[in-house]
Amino acid sequence: MTGVQTCALPIWVSPIRYLLNKRIRRAKRLLSGSLDPLVVIASMCGFASQSHLGTAFQFATGKSPGAWRKASS
């Protein structure tokens, strides 16, 4: 292969789902371990906005980012 890298993804996970899961995992760590505002955490995790983080996080975890932070502290 010339200049193309591949990653070992499970066959049942699409690349966009893999990336979203990775962003959510990072958001969970940041929400649990920092006092940064949600808008900053959204940006650090690659989300376009705080609203985008909230929607994706709620879908993935069943909790809002604020509720996750409160429960983990």
Protein backbone atom coordinates (compact mmCIF):
# COMPACT_ATOMS: atom_id res chain seq x y z
CA MET A 1 0.00 0.00 0.00
CA THR A 2 1.37 3.37 -0.92
CA GLY A 3 0.97 5.99 1.77
CA VAL A 4 -2.33 4.62 3.04
CA GLN A 5 -2.67 3.56 6.64
CA THR A 6 -5.36 1.24 7.80
CA CYS A 7 -6.54 0.68 11.33
CA ALA A 8 -7.74 -2.53 12.85
CA LEU A 9 -11.44 -1.88 13.32
CA PRO A 10 -13.86 -4.59 14.22
CA ILE A 11 -15.78 -5.42 11.07
CA TRP A 12 -19.11 -4.41 12.63
CA VAL A 13 -18.01 -0.84 13.56
CA SER A 14 -18.09 1.79 10.85
CA PRO A 15 -15.25 4.35 10.85
CA ILE A 16 -17.62 7.19 11.80
CA ARG A 17 -19.07 5.15 14.69
CA TYR A 18 -15.53 4.32 15.85
CA LEU A 19 -14.61 8.01 15.80
CA LEU A 20 -17.78 9.02 17.62
CA ASN A 21 -17.21 6.38 20.31
CA LYS A 22 -13.64 7.61 20.75
CA ARG A 23 -14.86 11.20 21.13
CA ILE A 24 -17.48 10.15 23.68
CA ARG A 25 -14.89 8.21 25.72
CA ARG A 26 -12.64 11.26 25.77
CA ALA A 27 -15.56 13.49 26.78
CA LYS A 28 -16.36 11.11 29.65
CA ARG A 29 -12.78 11.35 30.93
CA LEU A 30 -12.73 15.13 30.65
CA LEU A 31 -16.13 15.53 32.29
CA SER A 32 -15.03 13.35 35.19
CA GLY A 33 -11.59 14.88 35.64
CA SER A 34 -11.81 18.57 34.81
CA LEU A 35 -13.85 21.65 35.53
CA ASP A 36 -13.60 22.96 31.96
CA PRO A 37 -16.85 24.34 30.52
CA LEU A 38 -18.82 22.01 28.26
CA VAL A 39 -18.12 24.20 25.23
CA VAL A 40 -14.36 23.74 25.79
CA ILE A 41 -14.73 19.98 26.25
CA ALA A 42 -16.82 19.78 23.09
CA SER A 43 -14.09 21.53 21.14
CA MET A 44 -11.33 19.40 22.68
CA CYS A 45 -13.19 16.23 21.66
CA GLY A 46 -13.79 17.32 18.07
CA PHE A 47 -17.47 18.19 18.27
CA ALA A 48 -18.69 21.15 16.23
CA SER A 49 -20.55 22.67 19.17
CA GLN A 50 -21.68 22.11 22.73
CA SER A 51 -25.08 21.17 21.35
CA HIS A 52 -23.53 18.50 19.11
CA LEU A 53 -21.67 17.05 22.11
CA GLY A 54 -24.88 17.04 24.16
CA THR A 55 -26.90 15.27 21.50
CA ALA A 56 -24.25 12.63 20.78
CA PHE A 57 -23.48 12.11 24.48
CA GLN A 58 -27.16 11.71 25.39
CA PHE A 59 -27.63 9.18 22.58
CA ALA A 60 -24.53 7.18 23.58
CA THR A 61 -24.91 7.19 27.36
CA GLY A 62 -28.52 8.04 28.13
CA LYS A 63 -27.34 11.02 30.22
CA SER A 64 -26.56 14.62 29.41
CA PRO A 65 -22.93 15.71 29.80
CA GLY A 66 -23.90 17.81 32.83
CA ALA A 67 -25.65 14.86 34.50
CA TRP A 68 -22.63 12.62 33.76
CA ARG A 69 -20.30 15.19 35.35
CA LYS A 70 -22.53 15.52 38.41
CA ALA A 71 -22.81 11.74 38.84
CA SER A 72 -19.06 11.18 38.49
CA SER A 73 -18.02 13.78 41.06
